[in-house]
C-alpha atoms as a PDB file:
ATOM      1  CA  MET A   1       8.672 -11.320  12.503  1.00  0.00           C
ATOM      2  CA  THR A   2       6.270 -11.192   9.542  1.00  0.00           C
ATOM      3  CA  VAL A   3       3.241  -8.958   9.809  1.00  0.00           C
ATOM      4  CA  ALA A   4       0.174  -8.178   7.641  1.00  0.00           C
ATOM      5  CA  ARG A   5      -1.500  -4.800   7.515  1.00  0.00           C
ATOM      6  CA  ARG A   6      -4.429  -3.296   5.571  1.00  0.00           C
ATOM      7  CA  VAL A   7      -3.822   0.373   4.607  1.00  0.00           C
ATOM      8  CA  ARG A   8      -6.423   2.718   3.126  1.00  0.00           C
ATOM      9  CA  VAL A   9      -5.221   6.037   1.700  1.00  0.00           C
ATOM     10  CA  SER A  10      -7.618   8.860   0.818  1.00  0.00           C
ATOM     11  CA  GLY A  11      -7.103  12.177  -0.900  1.00  0.00           C
ATOM     12  CA  LEU A  12      -6.058  12.685  -4.491  1.00  0.00           C
ATOM     13  CA  VAL A  13      -4.776   9.146  -4.932  1.00  0.00           C
ATOM     14  CA  GLN A  14      -6.530   7.790  -8.086  1.00  0.00           C
ATOM     15  CA  GLY A  15      -5.360   8.749 -11.529  1.00  0.00           C
ATOM     16  CA  VAL A  16      -1.895   9.738 -10.262  1.00  0.00           C
ATOM     17  CA  PHE A  17      -0.139   6.365 -10.629  1.00  0.00           C
ATOM     18  CA  PHE A  18      -0.482   5.648  -6.892  1.00  0.00           C
ATOM     19  CA  ARG A  19      -1.034   1.932  -7.442  1.00  0.00           C
ATOM     20  CA  ALA A  20       1.929   1.486  -9.831  1.00  0.00           C
ATOM     21  CA  TRP A  21       4.127   3.599  -7.541  1.00  0.00           C
ATOM     22  CA  THR A  22       3.078   1.479  -4.493  1.00  0.00           C
ATOM     23  CA  GLN A  23       3.907  -1.696  -6.382  1.00  0.00           C
ATOM     24  CA  GLN A  24       7.406  -0.354  -7.247  1.00  0.00           C
ATOM     25  CA  GLN A  25       8.036   0.673  -3.670  1.00  0.00           C
ATOM     26  CA  ALA A  26       6.896  -2.674  -2.346  1.00  0.00           C
ATOM     27  CA  GLN A  27       9.054  -4.633  -4.754  1.00  0.00           C
ATOM     28  CA  ARG A  28      12.055  -2.412  -3.927  1.00  0.00           C
ATOM     29  CA  ILE A  29      11.835  -3.096  -0.156  1.00  0.00           C
ATOM     30  CA  GLY A  30      10.497  -6.670  -0.210  1.00  0.00           C
ATOM     31  CA  VAL A  31       6.848  -6.300   0.734  1.00  0.00           C
ATOM     32  CA  ASN A  32       4.229  -8.686  -0.809  1.00  0.00           C
ATOM     33  CA  GLY A  33       0.454  -8.254  -1.172  1.00  0.00           C
ATOM     34  CA  TRP A  34      -1.698  -6.056  -3.378  1.00  0.00           C
ATOM     35  CA  VAL A  35      -3.029  -2.609  -4.034  1.00  0.00           C
ATOM     36  CA  ARG A  36      -6.372  -1.503  -5.602  1.00  0.00           C
ATOM     37  CA  ASN A  37      -8.601   1.466  -6.217  1.00  0.00           C
ATOM     38  CA  CYS A  38     -11.781   1.621  -4.171  1.00  0.00           C
ATOM     39  CA  PRO A  39     -15.155   2.973  -5.411  1.00  0.00           C
ATOM     40  CA  ASP A  40     -15.017   5.834  -2.921  1.00  0.00           C
ATOM     41  CA  GLY A  41     -11.870   7.272  -4.535  1.00  0.00           C
ATOM     42  CA  SER A  42      -9.434   5.869  -1.947  1.00  0.00           C
ATOM     43  CA  VAL A  43      -6.674   3.333  -2.494  1.00  0.00           C
ATOM     44  CA  GLU A  44      -6.455   0.180  -0.415  1.00  0.00           C
ATOM     45  CA  ALA A  45      -3.449  -2.100   0.075  1.00  0.00           C
ATOM     46  CA  HIS A  46      -2.760  -5.377   1.766  1.00  0.00           C
ATOM     47  CA  LEU A  47       0.877  -5.450   2.893  1.00  0.00           C
ATOM     48  CA  GLU A  48       2.863  -8.488   4.159  1.00  0.00           C
ATOM     49  CA  GLY A  49       6.504  -8.566   5.193  1.00  0.00           C
ATOM     50  CA  SER A  50       8.842  -7.837   8.018  1.00  0.00           C
ATOM     51  CA  GLU A  51       7.655  -5.317  10.557  1.00  0.00           C
ATOM     52  CA  SER A  52      10.300  -2.794   9.396  1.00  0.00           C
ATOM     53  CA  ALA A  53       9.563  -3.207   5.723  1.00  0.00           C
ATOM     54  CA  VAL A  54       5.733  -2.875   6.198  1.00  0.00           C
ATOM     55  CA  GLN A  55       6.287   0.181   8.354  1.00  0.00           C
ATOM     56  CA  ASP A  56       8.642   1.621   5.704  1.00  0.00           C
ATOM     57  CA  ILE A  57       6.157   1.275   2.875  1.00  0.00           C
ATOM     58  CA  THR A  58       3.338   2.584   5.071  1.00  0.00           C
ATOM     59  CA  GLU A  59       5.371   5.711   5.743  1.00  0.00           C
ATOM     60  CA  ARG A  60       6.063   6.104   2.031  1.00  0.00           C
ATOM     61  CA  MET A  61       2.360   5.756   1.292  1.00  0.00           C
ATOM     62  CA  ARG A  62       1.692   8.642   3.687  1.00  0.00           C
ATOM     63  CA  LYS A  63       3.479  10.885   1.162  1.00  0.00           C
ATOM     64  CA  GLY A  64       2.696   9.020  -2.083  1.00  0.00           C
ATOM     65  CA  PRO A  65       4.049   9.755  -5.550  1.00  0.00           C
ATOM     66  CA  SER A  66       4.723  13.358  -6.553  1.00  0.00           C
ATOM     67  CA  ASP A  67       1.293  14.032  -8.183  1.00  0.00           C
ATOM     68  CA  ALA A  68      -0.720  12.581  -5.270  1.00  0.00           C
ATOM     69  CA  ARG A  69      -2.191  14.435  -2.345  1.00  0.00           C
ATOM     70  CA  VAL A  70      -2.621  12.193   0.705  1.00  0.00           C
ATOM     71  CA  ASP A  71      -5.200  13.447   3.160  1.00  0.00           C
ATOM     72  CA  GLU A  72      -5.692  10.411   5.422  1.00  0.00           C
ATOM     73  CA  VAL A  73      -4.100   7.034   6.027  1.00  0.00           C
ATOM     74  CA  HIS A  74      -5.802   4.318   8.038  1.00  0.00           C
ATOM     75  CA  VAL A  75      -3.751   1.260   9.030  1.00  0.00           C
ATOM     76  CA  ARG A  76      -5.049  -1.900  10.737  1.00  0.00           C
ATOM     77  CA  ASP A  77      -3.720  -5.363  11.354  1.00  0.00           C
ATOM     78  CA  ALA A  78      -4.795  -8.014   8.832  1.00  0.00           C
ATOM     79  CA  GLU A  79      -4.771 -11.734   8.384  1.00  0.00           C
ATOM     80  CA  PHE A  80      -1.530 -13.103   6.873  1.00  0.00           C
ATOM     81  CA  ASP A  81      -2.305 -14.694   3.482  1.00  0.00           C
ATOM     82  CA  GLY A  82       1.163 -15.723   2.396  1.00  0.00           C
ATOM     83  CA  PHE A  83       1.515 -13.652  -0.766  1.00  0.00           C
ATOM     84  CA  THR A  84       4.732 -14.298  -2.699  1.00  0.00           C
ATOM     85  CA  ARG A  85       4.661 -11.124  -4.838  1.00  0.00           C
ATOM     86  CA  PHE A  86       3.050  -7.703  -4.985  1.00  0.00           C
ATOM     87  CA  GLU A  87       0.266  -7.089  -7.508  1.00  0.00           C
ATOM     88  CA  VAL A  88      -1.920  -4.253  -8.709  1.00  0.00           C
ATOM     89  CA  ARG A  89      -5.571  -5.356  -8.623  1.00  0.00           C
ATOM     90  CA  HIS A  90      -8.160  -3.903 -10.960  1.00  0.00           C
END
């Protein structure tokens, strides 16, 4: 079953390659969608894929890359948009 989720990660997550790292993780496990920095210092991602793949990347985002410090992660269901790749948005 394909699912779509919106994830917002807060903490020290900008300026530590969080977006590029998320893109690499998504491509590695077959999740499509996007990731972007938000004005409040958080990072937001739209994730689409199998339930297990989306859950896998969400768990990875709870830890983040080595230089990040993740304080909070909020996950909610989202509308499926049919993305065919994963992109970093600016």
